[in-house]
Amino acid sequence: MSFFEMPESPIERVQLLENIMIEAATSPAKDEAMYQALRAELIQDFELKLLLPEFVRTNRSLKSFWPYISNVAGQYAPRRKHISDAFNPIVEHLEGANRAPIDSVAGDALASFDADGVHAVWTKALARRATDPEGAITVARTLLETVCKRVLDEREVTYGHKDDLPKLYGLAARELNMAPDQHREEAIKMILGGAMNLVNGIGTLRNRFSDAHAPGGKMPVKPSARHAALAVNMAGAMATFMIETFVQQEEKTAA
């Protein structure tokens, strides 16, 4: 297989890497260049790096992998099982991320309404940024909408079912004392104003891509993985800050 034939989706690349390592555990390595290319790409993804088998992270080549796998077992079958078992977590993670319904991810993961819940959505959205950038951006927007609605529900503030993200955030920000006009210090007002612009941008990002125009007519533009990663990371940071602010205020009220 040439580099031009390398699979595009993360799960296919992981499965190819697993197959290469199984073959290398039973016969002389034949796909050294492909192994190194797959390893280098997957290890750059901070989330997938943590899920990769330790022997992938610590062996930069199949040549260095051979002494390791030789010490695991003398027979081929146990070696193959050892490799397959080690790849199970990352394969299951990617399969689960690709199957998860977009609109239910945020609601399910934020049931606990804490930073851990946000992180769960955050990582799932990042996992799908390469295979489904538009879906990842939708998850980012849904994450923020879910947090805003939860804050408003807890504070018994009414809002319309058709209210968009900028509207919901404006209401929630005021409840959390995060509206720029609620502060006097210029630096704080600038930061909170930037946060509001950031949320507004996430709320309209997907529409901007689909409605983008080019000279000579309307040309739909699809978001890339980097656009999705930007939206997800910004949404995750804002959602975490909002929840932490809400929790801190509730604790002060209860004290």
C-alpha atoms as a PDB file:
ATOM      1  CA  MET A   1       0.000   0.000   0.000  1.00  0.00           C
ATOM      2  CA  SER A   2       1.364   3.437  -0.971  1.00  0.00           C
ATOM      3  CA  PHE A   3       0.973   6.658   0.987  1.00  0.00           C
ATOM      4  CA  PHE A   4      -1.628   7.717  -1.569  1.00  0.00           C
ATOM      5  CA  GLU A   5      -3.728   4.695  -0.540  1.00  0.00           C
ATOM      6  CA  MET A   6      -3.650   5.491   3.168  1.00  0.00           C
ATOM      7  CA  PRO A   7      -7.217   5.494   4.555  1.00  0.00           C
ATOM      8  CA  GLU A   8      -8.722   8.875   5.348  1.00  0.00           C
ATOM      9  CA  SER A   9     -10.813   8.065   8.432  1.00  0.00           C
ATOM     10  CA  PRO A  10      -9.127   7.695  11.849  1.00  0.00           C
ATOM     11  CA  ILE A  11     -10.683   4.313  12.558  1.00  0.00           C
ATOM     12  CA  GLU A  12      -9.473   2.861   9.259  1.00  0.00           C
ATOM     13  CA  ARG A  13      -5.990   4.153   9.958  1.00  0.00           C
ATOM     14  CA  VAL A  14      -6.007   2.641  13.434  1.00  0.00           C
ATOM     15  CA  GLN A  15      -7.169  -0.705  12.049  1.00  0.00           C
ATOM     16  CA  LEU A  16      -4.463  -0.578   9.380  1.00  0.00           C
ATOM     17  CA  LEU A  17      -1.864   0.147  12.045  1.00  0.00           C
ATOM     18  CA  GLU A  18      -3.120  -2.810  14.081  1.00  0.00           C
ATOM     19  CA  ASN A  19      -2.888  -5.130  11.071  1.00  0.00           C
ATOM     20  CA  ILE A  20       0.618  -3.949  10.273  1.00  0.00           C
ATOM     21  CA  MET A  21       1.738  -4.662  13.832  1.00  0.00           C
ATOM     22  CA  ILE A  22       0.114  -8.101  13.868  1.00  0.00           C
ATOM     23  CA  GLU A  23       1.947  -8.968  10.670  1.00  0.00           C
ATOM     24  CA  ALA A  24       5.202  -7.597  12.084  1.00  0.00           C
ATOM     25  CA  ALA A  25       4.771  -9.791  15.166  1.00  0.00           C
ATOM     26  CA  THR A  26       4.843 -12.963  13.071  1.00  0.00           C
ATOM     27  CA  SER A  27       7.146 -12.146  10.138  1.00  0.00           C
ATOM     28  CA  PRO A  28       9.843  -9.664   9.104  1.00  0.00           C
ATOM     29  CA  ALA A  29       8.508  -6.112   8.960  1.00  0.00           C
ATOM     30  CA  LYS A  30       7.406  -5.088   5.471  1.00  0.00           C
ATOM     31  CA  ASP A  31       5.556  -1.830   6.122  1.00  0.00           C
ATOM     32  CA  GLU A  32       8.068   0.212   8.091  1.00  0.00           C
ATOM     33  CA  ALA A  33       7.370   3.465   6.255  1.00  0.00           C
ATOM     34  CA  MET A  34       3.597   3.099   6.578  1.00  0.00           C
ATOM     35  CA  TYR A  35       3.903   2.216  10.275  1.00  0.00           C
ATOM     36  CA  GLN A  36       5.946   5.315  10.984  1.00  0.00           C
ATOM     37  CA  ALA A  37       3.576   7.530   8.978  1.00  0.00           C
ATOM     38  CA  LEU A  38       0.463   6.190  10.735  1.00  0.00           C
ATOM     39  CA  ARG A  39       2.080   6.369  14.154  1.00  0.00           C
ATOM     40  CA  ALA A  40       3.268   9.950  13.600  1.00  0.00           C
ATOM     41  CA  GLU A  41      -0.184  11.124  12.525  1.00  0.00           C
ATOM     42  CA  LEU A  42      -2.154   9.396  15.285  1.00  0.00           C
ATOM     43  CA  ILE A  43       0.238  10.426  18.006  1.00  0.00           C
ATOM     44  CA  GLN A  44      -0.241  14.093  17.079  1.00  0.00           C
ATOM     45  CA  ASP A  45      -3.876  13.836  18.156  1.00  0.00           C
ATOM     46  CA  PHE A  46      -3.696  14.415  21.926  1.00  0.00           C
ATOM     47  CA  GLU A  47      -6.846  12.383  22.595  1.00  0.00           C
ATOM     48  CA  LEU A  48      -6.004   9.408  20.393  1.00  0.00           C
ATOM     49  CA  LYS A  49      -2.428   9.399  21.651  1.00  0.00           C
ATOM     50  CA  LEU A  50      -3.660   8.527  25.136  1.00  0.00           C
ATOM     51  CA  LEU A  51      -5.718   5.635  23.751  1.00  0.00           C
ATOM     52  CA  LEU A  52      -2.977   4.146  21.579  1.00  0.00           C
ATOM     53  CA  PRO A  53      -1.290   1.022  22.977  1.00  0.00           C
ATOM     54  CA  GLU A  54       1.786   1.877  25.014  1.00  0.00           C
ATOM     55  CA  PHE A  55       3.966  -0.197  22.674  1.00  0.00           C
ATOM     56  CA  VAL A  56       2.938   2.084  19.796  1.00  0.00           C
ATOM     57  CA  ARG A  57       3.794   5.235  21.731  1.00  0.00           C
ATOM     58  CA  THR A  58       7.189   3.916  22.817  1.00  0.00           C
ATOM     59  CA  ASN A  59       8.347   2.229  19.600  1.00  0.00           C
ATOM     60  CA  ARG A  60       9.122   4.570  16.735  1.00  0.00           C
ATOM     61  CA  SER A  61       9.790   1.727  14.336  1.00  0.00           C
ATOM     62  CA  LEU A  62       8.758  -1.877  13.762  1.00  0.00           C
ATOM     63  CA  LYS A  63      12.389  -2.826  14.208  1.00  0.00           C
ATOM     64  CA  SER A  64      12.321  -1.610  17.804  1.00  0.00           C
ATOM     65  CA  PHE A  65       8.893  -3.236  18.301  1.00  0.00           C
ATOM     66  CA  TRP A  66      10.237  -6.726  17.490  1.00  0.00           C
ATOM     67  CA  PRO A  67      12.207  -7.254  20.760  1.00  0.00           C
ATOM     68  CA  TYR A  68       9.153  -6.153  22.740  1.00  0.00           C
ATOM     69  CA  ILE A  69       6.675  -8.487  21.082  1.00  0.00           C
ATOM     70  CA  SER A  70       9.182 -11.361  21.113  1.00  0.00           C
ATOM     71  CA  ASN A  71       9.320 -11.143  24.904  1.00  0.00           C
ATOM     72  CA  VAL A  72       5.535 -11.100  25.210  1.00  0.00           C
ATOM     73  CA  ALA A  73       5.188 -14.679  23.938  1.00  0.00           C
ATOM     74  CA  GLY A  74       7.096 -17.227  21.931  1.00  0.00           C
ATOM     75  CA  GLN A  75       4.078 -18.269  19.851  1.00  0.00           C
ATOM     76  CA  TYR A  76       2.265 -16.237  17.227  1.00  0.00           C
ATOM     77  CA  ALA A  77      -1.303 -16.608  18.521  1.00  0.00           C
ATOM     78  CA  PRO A  78      -0.637 -15.004  21.935  1.00  0.00           C
ATOM     79  CA  ARG A  79       1.235 -12.168  20.220  1.00  0.00           C
ATOM     80  CA  ARG A  80      -1.714 -11.456  17.922  1.00  0.00           C
ATOM     81  CA  LYS A  81      -4.128 -11.512  20.852  1.00  0.00           C
ATOM     82  CA  HIS A  82      -1.910  -9.188  22.865  1.00  0.00           C
ATOM     83  CA  ILE A  83      -1.900  -6.644  20.040  1.00  0.00           C
ATOM     84  CA  SER A  84      -5.646  -6.903  19.363  1.00  0.00           C
ATOM     85  CA  ASP A  85      -6.488  -6.519  23.041  1.00  0.00           C
ATOM     86  CA  ALA A  86      -4.275  -3.441  23.295  1.00  0.00           C
ATOM     87  CA  PHE A  87      -6.007  -1.814  20.311  1.00  0.00           C
ATOM     88  CA  ASN A  88      -9.536  -2.470  21.620  1.00  0.00           C
ATOM     89  CA  PRO A  89      -9.870   0.788  23.631  1.00  0.00           C
ATOM     90  CA  ILE A  90      -9.049   3.095  20.739  1.00  0.00           C
ATOM     91  CA  VAL A  91     -11.129   1.101  18.237  1.00  0.00           C
ATOM     92  CA  GLU A  92     -14.156   1.055  20.544  1.00  0.00           C
ATOM     93  CA  HIS A  93     -13.717   4.760  21.224  1.00  0.00           C
ATOM     94  CA  LEU A  94     -13.690   5.655  17.538  1.00  0.00           C
ATOM     95  CA  GLU A  95     -16.607   3.364  16.737  1.00  0.00           C
ATOM     96  CA  GLY A  96     -18.612   4.880  19.579  1.00  0.00           C
ATOM     97  CA  ALA A  97     -17.729   8.433  18.565  1.00  0.00           C
ATOM     98  CA  ASN A  98     -18.868   7.784  14.997  1.00  0.00           C
ATOM     99  CA  ARG A  99     -22.167   6.210  16.113  1.00  0.00           C
ATOM    100  CA  ALA A 100     -23.149   8.778  18.741  1.00  0.00           C
ATOM    101  CA  PRO A 101     -26.168  10.863  17.656  1.00  0.00           C
ATOM    102  CA  ILE A 102     -25.074  14.485  17.453  1.00  0.00           C
ATOM    103  CA  ASP A 103     -28.065  16.005  19.192  1.00  0.00           C
ATOM    104  CA  SER A 104     -27.950  13.617  22.167  1.00  0.00           C
ATOM    105  CA  VAL A 105     -24.240  13.870  22.968  1.00  0.00           C
ATOM    106  CA  ALA A 106     -24.367  17.113  24.897  1.00  0.00           C
ATOM    107  CA  GLY A 107     -27.542  16.303  26.819  1.00  0.00           C
ATOM    108  CA  ASP A 108     -26.313  12.884  27.915  1.00  0.00           C
ATOM    109  CA  ALA A 109     -22.817  13.965  28.907  1.00  0.00           C
ATOM    110  CA  LEU A 110     -24.000  17.067  30.755  1.00  0.00           C
ATOM    111  CA  ALA A 111     -26.416  15.197  32.985  1.00  0.00           C
ATOM    112  CA  SER A 112     -23.993  15.804  35.855  1.00  0.00           C
ATOM    113  CA  PHE A 113     -23.608  19.484  34.867  1.00  0.00           C
ATOM    114  CA  ASP A 114     -19.956  19.799  35.774  1.00  0.00           C
ATOM    115  CA  ALA A 115     -16.556  20.216  34.127  1.00  0.00           C
ATOM    116  CA  ASP A 116     -16.251  16.447  33.657  1.00  0.00           C
ATOM    117  CA  GLY A 117     -19.463  16.425  31.650  1.00  0.00           C
ATOM    118  CA  VAL A 118     -18.167  19.184  29.405  1.00  0.00           C
ATOM    119  CA  HIS A 119     -14.895  17.322  28.922  1.00  0.00           C
ATOM    120  CA  ALA A 120     -16.783  14.198  27.842  1.00  0.00           C
ATOM    121  CA  VAL A 121     -18.588  16.145  25.107  1.00  0.00           C
ATOM    122  CA  TRP A 122     -15.415  18.026  24.246  1.00  0.00           C
ATOM    123  CA  THR A 123     -13.375  14.876  23.603  1.00  0.00           C
ATOM    124  CA  LYS A 124     -16.159  13.165  21.639  1.00  0.00           C
ATOM    125  CA  ALA A 125     -16.513  16.210  19.413  1.00  0.00           C
ATOM    126  CA  LEU A 126     -12.762  16.377  18.817  1.00  0.00           C
ATOM    127  CA  ALA A 127     -12.734  12.700  17.914  1.00  0.00           C
ATOM    128  CA  ARG A 128     -15.138  13.307  15.034  1.00  0.00           C
ATOM    129  CA  ARG A 129     -13.536  16.513  13.709  1.00  0.00           C
ATOM    130  CA  ALA A 130     -11.662  14.695  10.910  1.00  0.00           C
ATOM    131  CA  THR A 131     -14.448  12.350   9.790  1.00  0.00           C
ATOM    132  CA  ASP A 132     -17.368  14.747  10.326  1.00  0.00           C
ATOM    133  CA  PRO A 133     -16.270  18.403  10.728  1.00  0.00           C
ATOM    134  CA  GLU A 134     -19.815  19.732  10.346  1.00  0.00           C
ATOM    135  CA  GLY A 135     -21.044  17.293  12.985  1.00  0.00           C
ATOM    136  CA  ALA A 136     -18.262  18.354  15.364  1.00  0.00           C
ATOM    137  CA  ILE A 137     -19.221  22.016  14.925  1.00  0.00           C
ATOM    138  CA  THR A 138     -22.862  21.131  15.595  1.00  0.00           C
ATOM    139  CA  VAL A 139     -21.821  19.344  18.794  1.00  0.00           C
ATOM    140  CA  ALA A 140     -19.849  22.439  19.835  1.00  0.00           C
ATOM    141  CA  ARG A 141     -22.900  24.630  19.326  1.00  0.00           C
ATOM    142  CA  THR A 142     -25.187  22.118  21.051  1.00  0.00           C
ATOM    143  CA  LEU A 143     -22.816  21.966  24.006  1.00  0.00           C
ATOM    144  CA  LEU A 144     -23.062  25.701  24.580  1.00  0.00           C
ATOM    145  CA  GLU A 145     -26.824  25.743  24.027  1.00  0.00           C
ATOM    146  CA  THR A 146     -27.240  22.940  26.576  1.00  0.00           C
ATOM    147  CA  VAL A 147     -25.186  24.783  29.201  1.00  0.00           C
ATOM    148  CA  CYS A 148     -27.063  28.044  28.616  1.00  0.00           C
ATOM    149  CA  LYS A 149     -30.453  26.362  28.895  1.00  0.00           C
ATOM    150  CA  ARG A 150     -29.435  24.499  32.041  1.00  0.00           C
ATOM    151  CA  VAL A 151     -28.325  27.753  33.671  1.00  0.00           C
ATOM    152  CA  LEU A 152     -31.570  29.465  32.701  1.00  0.00           C
ATOM    153  CA  ASP A 153     -33.658  26.527  33.907  1.00  0.00           C
ATOM    154  CA  GLU A 154     -31.863  26.471  37.247  1.00  0.00           C
ATOM    155  CA  ARG A 155     -32.399  30.224  37.652  1.00  0.00           C
ATOM    156  CA  GLU A 156     -36.031  29.911  36.477  1.00  0.00           C
ATOM    157  CA  VAL A 157     -35.499  32.301  33.575  1.00  0.00           C
ATOM    158  CA  THR A 158     -37.878  31.817  30.659  1.00  0.00           C
ATOM    159  CA  TYR A 159     -36.637  31.627  27.082  1.00  0.00           C
ATOM    160  CA  GLY A 160     -38.153  30.791  23.722  1.00  0.00           C
ATOM    161  CA  HIS A 161     -37.848  27.322  22.240  1.00  0.00           C
ATOM    162  CA  LYS A 162     -36.684  28.892  19.003  1.00  0.00           C
ATOM    163  CA  ASP A 163     -34.098  31.177  20.615  1.00  0.00           C
ATOM    164  CA  ASP A 164     -30.709  30.779  18.961  1.00  0.00           C
ATOM    165  CA  LEU A 165     -27.357  30.443  20.713  1.00  0.00           C
ATOM    166  CA  PRO A 166     -26.511  34.191  20.827  1.00  0.00           C
ATOM    167  CA  LYS A 167     -29.896  34.918  22.439  1.00  0.00           C
ATOM    168  CA  LEU A 168     -29.553  32.081  24.964  1.00  0.00           C
ATOM    169  CA  TYR A 169     -26.012  33.067  25.838  1.00  0.00           C
ATOM    170  CA  GLY A 170     -27.026  36.692  26.339  1.00  0.00           C
ATOM    171  CA  LEU A 171     -29.661  35.637  28.885  1.00  0.00           C
ATOM    172  CA  ALA A 172     -27.381  33.152  30.647  1.00  0.00           C
ATOM    173  CA  ALA A 173     -24.443  35.557  30.730  1.00  0.00           C
ATOM    174  CA  ARG A 174     -26.547  38.162  32.500  1.00  0.00           C
ATOM    175  CA  GLU A 175     -27.654  35.583  35.093  1.00  0.00           C
ATOM    176  CA  LEU A 176     -24.012  34.663  35.696  1.00  0.00           C
ATOM    177  CA  ASN A 177     -22.868  38.302  35.878  1.00  0.00           C
ATOM    178  CA  MET A 178     -20.861  37.740  32.706  1.00  0.00           C
ATOM    179  CA  ALA A 179     -22.424  40.504  30.596  1.00  0.00           C
ATOM    180  CA  PRO A 180     -19.879  43.244  29.727  1.00  0.00           C
ATOM    181  CA  ASP A 181     -22.168  46.068  30.885  1.00  0.00           C
ATOM    182  CA  GLN A 182     -22.369  44.509  34.364  1.00  0.00           C
ATOM    183  CA  HIS A 183     -18.752  45.454  35.047  1.00  0.00           C
ATOM    184  CA  ARG A 184     -16.815  48.702  35.315  1.00  0.00           C
ATOM    185  CA  GLU A 185     -13.240  47.543  34.825  1.00  0.00           C
ATOM    186  CA  GLU A 186     -12.311  47.991  31.185  1.00  0.00           C
ATOM    187  CA  ALA A 187     -10.175  44.821  31.040  1.00  0.00           C
ATOM    188  CA  ILE A 188     -13.013  42.668  32.377  1.00  0.00           C
ATOM    189  CA  LYS A 189     -15.479  44.263  29.967  1.00  0.00           C
ATOM    190  CA  MET A 190     -13.138  43.527  27.057  1.00  0.00           C
ATOM    191  CA  ILE A 191     -12.719  39.878  28.059  1.00  0.00           C
ATOM    192  CA  LEU A 192     -16.438  39.317  28.520  1.00  0.00           C
ATOM    193  CA  GLY A 193     -17.171  41.158  25.292  1.00  0.00           C
ATOM    194  CA  GLY A 194     -14.718  38.885  23.516  1.00  0.00           C
ATOM    195  CA  ALA A 195     -16.433  35.858  25.047  1.00  0.00           C
ATOM    196  CA  MET A 196     -19.780  37.063  23.736  1.00  0.00           C
ATOM    197  CA  ASN A 197     -18.344  37.562  20.247  1.00  0.00           C
ATOM    198  CA  LEU A 198     -16.802  34.098  20.424  1.00  0.00           C
ATOM    199  CA  VAL A 199     -20.137  32.466  21.255  1.00  0.00           C
ATOM    200  CA  ASN A 200     -21.891  34.444  18.542  1.00  0.00           C
ATOM    201  CA  GLY A 201     -19.272  33.239  16.088  1.00  0.00           C
ATOM    202  CA  ILE A 202     -19.824  29.589  17.010  1.00  0.00           C
ATOM    203  CA  GLY A 203     -23.556  30.086  16.670  1.00  0.00           C
ATOM    204  CA  THR A 204     -23.217  31.315  13.090  1.00  0.00           C
ATOM    205  CA  LEU A 205     -20.120  29.383  11.982  1.00  0.00           C
ATOM    206  CA  ARG A 206     -21.895  26.544  10.224  1.00  0.00           C
ATOM    207  CA  ASN A 207     -24.218  28.907   8.357  1.00  0.00           C
ATOM    208  CA  ARG A 208     -21.241  30.965   7.252  1.00  0.00           C
ATOM    209  CA  PHE A 209     -19.638  27.934   5.681  1.00  0.00           C
ATOM    210  CA  SER A 210     -22.756  26.790   3.855  1.00  0.00           C
ATOM    211  CA  ASP A 211     -23.673  30.295   2.664  1.00  0.00           C
ATOM    212  CA  ALA A 212     -20.202  31.487   1.663  1.00  0.00           C
ATOM    213  CA  HIS A 213     -20.011  33.250  -1.676  1.00  0.00           C
ATOM    214  CA  ALA A 214     -17.277  33.344  -4.272  1.00  0.00           C
ATOM    215  CA  PRO A 215     -16.903  35.556  -7.354  1.00  0.00           C
ATOM    216  CA  GLY A 216     -19.311  34.451 -10.046  1.00  0.00           C
ATOM    217  CA  GLY A 217     -21.925  32.823  -7.857  1.00  0.00           C
ATOM    218  CA  LYS A 218     -22.750  30.952  -4.682  1.00  0.00           C
ATOM    219  CA  MET A 219     -20.119  28.385  -3.710  1.00  0.00           C
ATOM    220  CA  PRO A 220     -20.819  26.256  -0.618  1.00  0.00           C
ATOM    221  CA  VAL A 221     -17.687  25.864   1.493  1.00  0.00           C
ATOM    222  CA  LYS A 222     -17.231  22.845   3.729  1.00  0.00           C
ATOM    223  CA  PRO A 223     -15.495  23.211   7.110  1.00  0.00           C
ATOM    224  CA  SER A 224     -12.213  21.398   7.560  1.00  0.00           C
ATOM    225  CA  ALA A 225     -10.911  19.494  10.584  1.00  0.00           C
ATOM    226  CA  ARG A 226      -9.016  22.566  11.786  1.00  0.00           C
ATOM    227  CA  HIS A 227     -12.176  24.696  11.683  1.00  0.00           C
ATOM    228  CA  ALA A 228     -14.009  22.032  13.676  1.00  0.00           C
ATOM    229  CA  ALA A 229     -11.184  21.772  16.222  1.00  0.00           C
ATOM    230  CA  LEU A 230     -11.229  25.553  16.696  1.00  0.00           C
ATOM    231  CA  ALA A 231     -14.984  25.626  17.274  1.00  0.00           C
ATOM    232  CA  VAL A 232     -14.932  22.634  19.633  1.00  0.00           C
ATOM    233  CA  ASN A 233     -12.038  23.948  21.716  1.00  0.00           C
ATOM    234  CA  MET A 234     -13.590  27.398  22.065  1.00  0.00           C
ATOM    235  CA  ALA A 235     -16.978  25.940  22.962  1.00  0.00           C
ATOM    236  CA  GLY A 236     -15.431  23.580  25.493  1.00  0.00           C
ATOM    237  CA  ALA A 237     -13.514  26.375  27.198  1.00  0.00           C
ATOM    238  CA  MET A 238     -16.570  28.647  27.365  1.00  0.00           C
ATOM    239  CA  ALA A 239     -18.900  25.899  28.583  1.00  0.00           C
ATOM    240  CA  THR A 240     -16.440  24.953  31.333  1.00  0.00           C
ATOM    241  CA  PHE A 241     -16.109  28.582  32.449  1.00  0.00           C
ATOM    242  CA  MET A 242     -19.880  29.044  32.541  1.00  0.00           C
ATOM    243  CA  ILE A 243     -20.460  25.916  34.606  1.00  0.00           C
ATOM    244  CA  GLU A 244     -17.659  26.737  37.036  1.00  0.00           C
ATOM    245  CA  THR A 245     -19.066  30.249  37.438  1.00  0.00           C
ATOM    246  CA  PHE A 246     -22.557  28.887  38.069  1.00  0.00           C
ATOM    247  CA  VAL A 247     -21.337  26.340  40.630  1.00  0.00           C
ATOM    248  CA  GLN A 248     -19.249  28.949  42.456  1.00  0.00           C
ATOM    249  CA  GLN A 249     -22.206  31.325  42.686  1.00  0.00           C
ATOM    250  CA  GLU A 250     -24.472  28.570  43.963  1.00  0.00           C
ATOM    251  CA  GLU A 251     -21.957  27.618  46.646  1.00  0.00           C
ATOM    252  CA  LYS A 252     -21.692  31.216  47.821  1.00  0.00           C
ATOM    253  CA  THR A 253     -25.470  31.512  48.004  1.00  0.00           C
ATOM    254  CA  ALA A 254     -25.740  28.319  50.021  1.00  0.00           C
ATOM    255  CA  ALA A 255     -22.965  29.308  52.465  1.00  0.00           C
END
